[in-house]
Amino acid sequence: DINLNVLRVEGYRHFCNKLWNATKFAMMNLEGYQVKPLADVMKDLQSQDRWILSRLHRTIGEANKSMADYDFGSATSCIYS
């Protein structure tokens, strides 16, 4: 038996909707943007930016592992937090 918390599902739906809208906004405003090599960008970053990127890197790793293990709840939780 699996407990299904409807409020939790609704919260995830709202979160996914926010991700969708943020992605649409970014795609509309990044048209024609050329990505620079990471090595060129890293040398100009401040410590706060490096910290954010380290957290992003860790979150991507956790989410990918959870998705590979079919642990969708953990994947969603790590992305959400």
PDB file of N, CA and C in Angstrom:
ATOM      1  N   ASP A   1       0.836  -1.188   0.000  1.00  0.00           N
ATOM      2  CA  ASP A   1       0.000   0.000   0.000  1.00  0.00           C
ATOM      3  C   ASP A   1       0.876   1.246   0.000  1.00  0.00           C
ATOM      4  N   ILE A   2       0.449   2.237  -0.763  1.00  0.00           N
ATOM      5  CA  ILE A   2       1.168   3.501  -0.846  1.00  0.00           C
ATOM      6  C   ILE A   2       0.239   4.606  -0.374  1.00  0.00           C
ATOM      7  N   ASN A   3       0.717   5.390   0.589  1.00  0.00           N
ATOM      8  CA  ASN A   3      -0.036   6.562   1.022  1.00  0.00           C
ATOM      9  C   ASN A   3       0.151   7.664  -0.009  1.00  0.00           C
ATOM     10  N   LEU A   4      -0.937   8.226  -0.487  1.00  0.00           N
ATOM     11  CA  LEU A   4      -0.883   9.310  -1.452  1.00  0.00           C
ATOM     12  C   LEU A   4      -1.383  10.574  -0.782  1.00  0.00           C
ATOM     13  N   ASN A   5      -0.474  11.496  -0.576  1.00  0.00           N
ATOM     14  CA  ASN A   5      -0.841  12.770   0.025  1.00  0.00           C
ATOM     15  C   ASN A   5      -1.190  13.733  -1.102  1.00  0.00           C
ATOM     16  N   VAL A   6      -2.466  14.028  -1.236  1.00  0.00           N
ATOM     17  CA  VAL A   6      -2.945  14.867  -2.330  1.00  0.00           C
ATOM     18  C   VAL A   6      -2.356  16.263  -2.247  1.00  0.00           C
ATOM     19  N   LEU A   7      -2.198  16.797  -1.041  1.00  0.00           N
ATOM     20  CA  LEU A   7      -1.623  18.141  -0.892  1.00  0.00           C
ATOM     21  C   LEU A   7      -0.164  18.174  -1.343  1.00  0.00           C
ATOM     22  N   ARG A   8       0.560  17.100  -1.097  1.00  0.00           N
ATOM     23  CA  ARG A   8       1.959  17.036  -1.536  1.00  0.00           C
ATOM     24  C   ARG A   8       2.030  16.985  -3.063  1.00  0.00           C
ATOM     25  N   VAL A   9       1.165  16.209  -3.673  1.00  0.00           N
ATOM     26  CA  VAL A   9       1.111  16.137  -5.136  1.00  0.00           C
ATOM     27  C   VAL A   9       0.757  17.501  -5.711  1.00  0.00           C
ATOM     28  N   GLU A  10      -0.171  18.183  -5.104  1.00  0.00           N
ATOM     29  CA  GLU A  10      -0.566  19.515  -5.570  1.00  0.00           C
ATOM     30  C   GLU A  10       0.599  20.500  -5.434  1.00  0.00           C
ATOM     31  N   GLY A  11       1.334  20.406  -4.334  1.00  0.00           N
ATOM     32  CA  GLY A  11       2.500  21.265  -4.145  1.00  0.00           C
ATOM     33  C   GLY A  11       3.558  21.026  -5.206  1.00  0.00           C
ATOM     34  N   TYR A  12       3.799  19.747  -5.544  1.00  0.00           N
ATOM     35  CA  TYR A  12       4.752  19.428  -6.604  1.00  0.00           C
ATOM     36  C   TYR A  12       4.267  19.933  -7.958  1.00  0.00           C
ATOM     37  N   ARG A  13       2.966  19.878  -8.165  1.00  0.00           N
ATOM     38  CA  ARG A  13       2.408  20.390  -9.422  1.00  0.00           C
ATOM     39  C   ARG A  13       2.660  21.885  -9.542  1.00  0.00           C
ATOM     40  N   HIS A  14       2.452  22.614  -8.448  1.00  0.00           N
ATOM     41  CA  HIS A  14       2.711  24.054  -8.463  1.00  0.00           C
ATOM     42  C   HIS A  14       4.192  24.345  -8.693  1.00  0.00           C
ATOM     43  N   PHE A  15       5.056  23.547  -8.066  1.00  0.00           N
ATOM     44  CA  PHE A  15       6.489  23.734  -8.240  1.00  0.00           C
ATOM     45  C   PHE A  15       6.900  23.480  -9.688  1.00  0.00           C
ATOM     46  N   CYS A  16       6.386  22.416 -10.281  1.00  0.00           N
ATOM     47  CA  CYS A  16       6.704  22.108 -11.682  1.00  0.00           C
ATOM     48  C   CYS A  16       6.198  23.208 -12.606  1.00  0.00           C
ATOM     49  N   ASN A  17       5.051  23.783 -12.276  1.00  0.00           N
ATOM     50  CA  ASN A  17       4.520  24.883 -13.068  1.00  0.00           C
ATOM     51  C   ASN A  17       5.458  26.092 -12.992  1.00  0.00           C
ATOM     52  N   LYS A  18       6.027  26.358 -11.816  1.00  0.00           N
ATOM     53  CA  LYS A  18       6.983  27.453 -11.676  1.00  0.00           C
ATOM     54  C   LYS A  18       8.237  27.188 -12.499  1.00  0.00           C
ATOM     55  N   LEU A  19       8.720  25.946 -12.480  1.00  0.00           N
ATOM     56  CA  LEU A  19       9.887  25.601 -13.299  1.00  0.00           C
ATOM     57  C   LEU A  19       9.588  25.808 -14.783  1.00  0.00           C
ATOM     58  N   TRP A  20       8.412  25.376 -15.201  1.00  0.00           N
ATOM     59  CA  TRP A  20       8.004  25.516 -16.598  1.00  0.00           C
ATOM     60  C   TRP A  20       7.972  26.986 -16.998  1.00  0.00           C
ATOM     61  N   ASN A  21       7.349  27.830 -16.170  1.00  0.00           N
ATOM     62  CA  ASN A  21       7.252  29.254 -16.483  1.00  0.00           C
ATOM     63  C   ASN A  21       8.621  29.931 -16.484  1.00  0.00           C
ATOM     64  N   ALA A  22       9.495  29.559 -15.548  1.00  0.00           N
ATOM     65  CA  ALA A  22      10.840  30.132 -15.512  1.00  0.00           C
ATOM     66  C   ALA A  22      11.623  29.733 -16.758  1.00  0.00           C
ATOM     67  N   THR A  23      11.466  28.496 -17.201  1.00  0.00           N
ATOM     68  CA  THR A  23      12.151  28.028 -18.401  1.00  0.00           C
ATOM     69  C   THR A  23      11.643  28.756 -19.639  1.00  0.00           C
ATOM     70  N   LYS A  24      10.331  28.928 -19.739  1.00  0.00           N
ATOM     71  CA  LYS A  24       9.770  29.660 -20.877  1.00  0.00           C
ATOM     72  C   LYS A  24      10.291  31.089 -20.901  1.00  0.00           C
ATOM     73  N   PHE A  25      10.335  31.750 -19.729  1.00  0.00           N
ATOM     74  CA  PHE A  25      10.823  33.126 -19.639  1.00  0.00           C
ATOM     75  C   PHE A  25      12.286  33.196 -20.077  1.00  0.00           C
ATOM     76  N   ALA A  26      13.103  32.264 -19.588  1.00  0.00           N
ATOM     77  CA  ALA A  26      14.525  32.260 -19.940  1.00  0.00           C
ATOM     78  C   ALA A  26      14.711  32.024 -21.437  1.00  0.00           C
ATOM     79  N   MET A  27      13.982  31.086 -21.993  1.00  0.00           N
ATOM     80  CA  MET A  27      14.132  30.769 -23.414  1.00  0.00           C
ATOM     81  C   MET A  27      13.722  31.955 -24.295  1.00  0.00           C
ATOM     82  N   MET A  28      12.712  32.706 -23.876  1.00  0.00           N
ATOM     83  CA  MET A  28      12.286  33.875 -24.646  1.00  0.00           C
ATOM     84  C   MET A  28      13.355  34.965 -24.605  1.00  0.00           C
ATOM     85  N   ASN A  29      14.059  35.102 -23.491  1.00  0.00           N
ATOM     86  CA  ASN A  29      15.009  36.199 -23.321  1.00  0.00           C
ATOM     87  C   ASN A  29      16.450  35.823 -23.632  1.00  0.00           C
ATOM     88  N   LEU A  30      16.730  34.570 -23.913  1.00  0.00           N
ATOM     89  CA  LEU A  30      18.093  34.148 -24.210  1.00  0.00           C
ATOM     90  C   LEU A  30      18.305  33.844 -25.690  1.00  0.00           C
ATOM     91  N   GLU A  31      17.374  34.237 -26.508  1.00  0.00           N
ATOM     92  CA  GLU A  31      17.495  33.961 -27.937  1.00  0.00           C
ATOM     93  C   GLU A  31      18.738  34.653 -28.487  1.00  0.00           C
ATOM     94  N   GLY A  32      19.589  33.898 -29.158  1.00  0.00           N
ATOM     95  CA  GLY A  32      20.805  34.439 -29.732  1.00  0.00           C
ATOM     96  C   GLY A  32      21.978  34.514 -28.767  1.00  0.00           C
ATOM     97  N   TYR A  33      21.777  34.112 -27.524  1.00  0.00           N
ATOM     98  CA  TYR A  33      22.858  34.162 -26.529  1.00  0.00           C
ATOM     99  C   TYR A  33      23.881  33.073 -26.824  1.00  0.00           C
ATOM    100  N   GLN A  34      25.150  33.428 -26.789  1.00  0.00           N
ATOM    101  CA  GLN A  34      26.233  32.487 -27.027  1.00  0.00           C
ATOM    102  C   GLN A  34      26.866  32.103 -25.690  1.00  0.00           C
ATOM    103  N   VAL A  35      26.917  30.827 -25.410  1.00  0.00           N
ATOM    104  CA  VAL A  35      27.489  30.330 -24.157  1.00  0.00           C
ATOM    105  C   VAL A  35      29.009  30.370 -24.247  1.00  0.00           C
ATOM    106  N   LYS A  36      29.640  30.909 -23.188  1.00  0.00           N
ATOM    107  CA  LYS A  36      31.098  30.962 -23.126  1.00  0.00           C
ATOM    108  C   LYS A  36      31.622  29.668 -22.505  1.00  0.00           C
ATOM    109  N   PRO A  37      32.850  29.289 -22.820  1.00  0.00           N
ATOM    110  CA  PRO A  37      33.440  28.110 -22.163  1.00  0.00           C
ATOM    111  C   PRO A  37      33.509  28.306 -20.657  1.00  0.00           C
ATOM    112  N   LEU A  38      33.272  27.241 -19.904  1.00  0.00           N
ATOM    113  CA  LEU A  38      33.227  27.325 -18.447  1.00  0.00           C
ATOM    114  C   LEU A  38      34.531  27.859 -17.866  1.00  0.00           C
ATOM    115  N   ALA A  39      35.652  27.492 -18.441  1.00  0.00           N
ATOM    116  CA  ALA A  39      36.948  27.953 -17.932  1.00  0.00           C
ATOM    117  C   ALA A  39      37.053  29.475 -18.010  1.00  0.00           C
ATOM    118  N   ASP A  40      36.501  30.072 -19.054  1.00  0.00           N
ATOM    119  CA  ASP A  40      36.535  31.531 -19.190  1.00  0.00           C
ATOM    120  C   ASP A  40      35.634  32.210 -18.161  1.00  0.00           C
ATOM    121  N   VAL A  41      34.533  31.584 -17.856  1.00  0.00           N
ATOM    122  CA  VAL A  41      33.575  32.164 -16.919  1.00  0.00           C
ATOM    123  C   VAL A  41      34.049  32.008 -15.477  1.00  0.00           C
ATOM    124  N   MET A  42      34.621  30.868 -15.146  1.00  0.00           N
ATOM    125  CA  MET A  42      35.016  30.573 -13.765  1.00  0.00           C
ATOM    126  C   MET A  42      36.027  31.563 -13.200  1.00  0.00           C
ATOM    127  N   LYS A  43      36.924  32.067 -14.021  1.00  0.00           N
ATOM    128  CA  LYS A  43      37.963  32.958 -13.509  1.00  0.00           C
ATOM    129  C   LYS A  43      37.407  34.307 -13.059  1.00  0.00           C
ATOM    130  N   ASP A  44      36.231  34.671 -13.543  1.00  0.00           N
ATOM    131  CA  ASP A  44      35.632  35.963 -13.208  1.00  0.00           C
ATOM    132  C   ASP A  44      34.564  35.872 -12.116  1.00  0.00           C
ATOM    133  N   LEU A  45      34.313  34.675 -11.600  1.00  0.00           N
ATOM    134  CA  LEU A  45      33.239  34.508 -10.622  1.00  0.00           C
ATOM    135  C   LEU A  45      33.688  34.879  -9.213  1.00  0.00           C
ATOM    136  N   GLN A  46      32.749  35.436  -8.460  1.00  0.00           N
ATOM    137  CA  GLN A  46      33.002  35.719  -7.050  1.00  0.00           C
ATOM    138  C   GLN A  46      32.716  34.459  -6.244  1.00  0.00           C
ATOM    139  N   SER A  47      33.101  34.481  -4.981  1.00  0.00           N
ATOM    140  CA  SER A  47      32.941  33.289  -4.135  1.00  0.00           C
ATOM    141  C   SER A  47      31.471  32.890  -3.996  1.00  0.00           C
ATOM    142  N   GLN A  48      30.560  33.863  -3.954  1.00  0.00           N
ATOM    143  CA  GLN A  48      29.131  33.545  -3.848  1.00  0.00           C
ATOM    144  C   GLN A  48      28.653  32.789  -5.085  1.00  0.00           C
ATOM    145  N   ASP A  49      29.129  33.206  -6.239  1.00  0.00           N
ATOM    146  CA  ASP A  49      28.742  32.538  -7.482  1.00  0.00           C
ATOM    147  C   ASP A  49      29.286  31.110  -7.526  1.00  0.00           C
ATOM    148  N   ARG A  50      30.513  30.928  -7.064  1.00  0.00           N
ATOM    149  CA  ARG A  50      31.101  29.586  -7.024  1.00  0.00           C
ATOM    150  C   ARG A  50      30.319  28.688  -6.063  1.00  0.00           C
ATOM    151  N   TRP A  51      29.874  29.259  -4.943  1.00  0.00           N
ATOM    152  CA  TRP A  51      29.094  28.488  -3.976  1.00  0.00           C
ATOM    153  C   TRP A  51      27.772  28.038  -4.597  1.00  0.00           C
ATOM    154  N   ILE A  52      27.099  28.951  -5.297  1.00  0.00           N
ATOM    155  CA  ILE A  52      25.829  28.613  -5.955  1.00  0.00           C
ATOM    156  C   ILE A  52      26.049  27.502  -6.973  1.00  0.00           C
ATOM    157  N   LEU A  53      27.109  27.606  -7.761  1.00  0.00           N
ATOM    158  CA  LEU A  53      27.385  26.572  -8.761  1.00  0.00           C
ATOM    159  C   LEU A  53      27.723  25.234  -8.114  1.00  0.00           C
ATOM    160  N   SER A  54      28.407  25.258  -6.961  1.00  0.00           N
ATOM    161  CA  SER A  54      28.715  23.995  -6.276  1.00  0.00           C
ATOM    162  C   SER A  54      27.444  23.335  -5.771  1.00  0.00           C
ATOM    163  N   ARG A  55      26.514  24.127  -5.242  1.00  0.00           N
ATOM    164  CA  ARG A  55      25.224  23.577  -4.797  1.00  0.00           C
ATOM    165  C   ARG A  55      24.430  23.033  -5.978  1.00  0.00           C
ATOM    166  N   LEU A  56      24.459  23.743  -7.090  1.00  0.00           N
ATOM    167  CA  LEU A  56      23.772  23.278  -8.292  1.00  0.00           C
ATOM    168  C   LEU A  56      24.363  21.955  -8.762  1.00  0.00           C
ATOM    169  N   HIS A  57      25.683  21.852  -8.782  1.00  0.00           N
ATOM    170  CA  HIS A  57      26.359  20.630  -9.209  1.00  0.00           C
ATOM    171  C   HIS A  57      25.972  19.455  -8.311  1.00  0.00           C
ATOM    172  N   ARG A  58      25.935  19.690  -6.992  1.00  0.00           N
ATOM    173  CA  ARG A  58      25.559  18.627  -6.060  1.00  0.00           C
ATOM    174  C   ARG A  58      24.096  18.223  -6.265  1.00  0.00           C
ATOM    175  N   THR A  59      23.224  19.196  -6.456  1.00  0.00           N
ATOM    176  CA  THR A  59      21.804  18.906  -6.663  1.00  0.00           C
ATOM    177  C   THR A  59      21.587  18.110  -7.943  1.00  0.00           C
ATOM    178  N   ILE A  60      22.288  18.464  -9.006  1.00  0.00           N
ATOM    179  CA  ILE A  60      22.171  17.727 -10.267  1.00  0.00           C
ATOM    180  C   ILE A  60      22.596  16.278 -10.071  1.00  0.00           C
ATOM    181  N   GLY A  61      23.699  16.067  -9.357  1.00  0.00           N
ATOM    182  CA  GLY A  61      24.165  14.707  -9.104  1.00  0.00           C
ATOM    183  C   GLY A  61      23.162  13.888  -8.313  1.00  0.00           C
ATOM    184  N   GLU A  62      22.599  14.502  -7.245  1.00  0.00           N
ATOM    185  CA  GLU A  62      21.609  13.797  -6.426  1.00  0.00           C
ATOM    186  C   GLU A  62      20.350  13.497  -7.223  1.00  0.00           C
ATOM    187  N   ALA A  63      19.892  14.455  -8.006  1.00  0.00           N
ATOM    188  CA  ALA A  63      18.669  14.258  -8.795  1.00  0.00           C
ATOM    189  C   ALA A  63      18.877  13.175  -9.851  1.00  0.00           C
ATOM    190  N   ASN A  64      20.020  13.195 -10.524  1.00  0.00           N
ATOM    191  CA  ASN A  64      20.293  12.168 -11.534  1.00  0.00           C
ATOM    192  C   ASN A  64      20.356  10.782 -10.921  1.00  0.00           C
ATOM    193  N   LYS A  65      20.996  10.651  -9.754  1.00  0.00           N
ATOM    194  CA  LYS A  65      21.085   9.355  -9.081  1.00  0.00           C
ATOM    195  C   LYS A  65      19.689   8.879  -8.670  1.00  0.00           C
ATOM    196  N   SER A  66      18.897   9.783  -8.115  1.00  0.00           N
ATOM    197  CA  SER A  66      17.546   9.413  -7.698  1.00  0.00           C
ATOM    198  C   SER A  66      16.689   8.989  -8.887  1.00  0.00           C
ATOM    199  N   MET A  67      16.813   9.701  -9.998  1.00  0.00           N
ATOM    200  CA  MET A  67      16.045   9.334 -11.183  1.00  0.00           C
ATOM    201  C   MET A  67      16.496   7.979 -11.718  1.00  0.00           C
ATOM    202  N   ALA A  68      17.802   7.719 -11.705  1.00  0.00           N
ATOM    203  CA  ALA A  68      18.312   6.427 -12.180  1.00  0.00           C
ATOM    204  C   ALA A  68      17.829   5.286 -11.296  1.00  0.00           C
ATOM    205  N   ASP A  69      17.644   5.574  -9.993  1.00  0.00           N
ATOM    206  CA  ASP A  69      17.149   4.569  -9.046  1.00  0.00           C
ATOM    207  C   ASP A  69      15.623   4.506  -9.007  1.00  0.00           C
ATOM    208  N   TYR A  70      14.966   5.288  -9.883  1.00  0.00           N
ATOM    209  CA  TYR A  70      13.495   5.386  -9.900  1.00  0.00           C
ATOM    210  C   TYR A  70      12.934   5.853  -8.564  1.00  0.00           C
ATOM    211  N   ASP A  71      13.688   6.691  -7.867  1.00  0.00           N
ATOM    212  CA  ASP A  71      13.256   7.272  -6.589  1.00  0.00           C
ATOM    213  C   ASP A  71      12.814   8.706  -6.863  1.00  0.00           C
ATOM    214  N   PHE A  72      11.634   8.834  -7.460  1.00  0.00           N
ATOM    215  CA  PHE A  72      11.165  10.129  -7.928  1.00  0.00           C
ATOM    216  C   PHE A  72      10.871  11.098  -6.783  1.00  0.00           C
ATOM    217  N   GLY A  73      10.472  10.589  -5.643  1.00  0.00           N
ATOM    218  CA  GLY A  73      10.227  11.450  -4.487  1.00  0.00           C
ATOM    219  C   GLY A  73      11.499  12.140  -4.030  1.00  0.00           C
ATOM    220  N   SER A  74      12.593  11.391  -3.955  1.00  0.00           N
ATOM    221  CA  SER A  74      13.877  11.977  -3.556  1.00  0.00           C
ATOM    222  C   SER A  74      14.388  12.950  -4.607  1.00  0.00           C
ATOM    223  N   ALA A  75      14.208  12.605  -5.871  1.00  0.00           N
ATOM    224  CA  ALA A  75      14.635  13.505  -6.952  1.00  0.00           C
ATOM    225  C   ALA A  75      13.910  14.840  -6.852  1.00  0.00           C
ATOM    226  N   THR A  76      12.605  14.770  -6.658  1.00  0.00           N
ATOM    227  CA  THR A  76      11.811  15.992  -6.552  1.00  0.00           C
ATOM    228  C   THR A  76      12.185  16.786  -5.322  1.00  0.00           C
ATOM    229  N   SER A  77      12.395  16.085  -4.200  1.00  0.00           N
ATOM    230  CA  SER A  77      12.747  16.782  -2.956  1.00  0.00           C
ATOM    231  C   SER A  77      14.072  17.509  -3.057  1.00  0.00           C
ATOM    232  N   CYS A  78      15.075  16.878  -3.668  1.00  0.00           N
ATOM    233  CA  CYS A  78      16.372  17.536  -3.746  1.00  0.00           C
ATOM    234  C   CYS A  78      16.326  18.724  -4.702  1.00  0.00           C
ATOM    235  N   ILE A  79      15.533  18.655  -5.758  1.00  0.00           N
ATOM    236  CA  ILE A  79      15.398  19.782  -6.667  1.00  0.00           C
ATOM    237  C   ILE A  79      14.614  20.903  -5.988  1.00  0.00           C
ATOM    238  N   TYR A  80      13.588  20.539  -5.248  1.00  0.00           N
ATOM    239  CA  TYR A  80      12.730  21.530  -4.598  1.00  0.00           C
ATOM    240  C   TYR A  80      13.491  22.298  -3.523  1.00  0.00           C
ATOM    241  N   SER A  81      14.359  21.610  -2.799  1.00  0.00           N
ATOM    242  CA  SER A  81      15.075  22.292  -1.713  1.00  0.00           C
ATOM    243  C   SER A  81      16.393  22.810  -2.231  1.00  0.00           C
TER     244      SER A  81
END
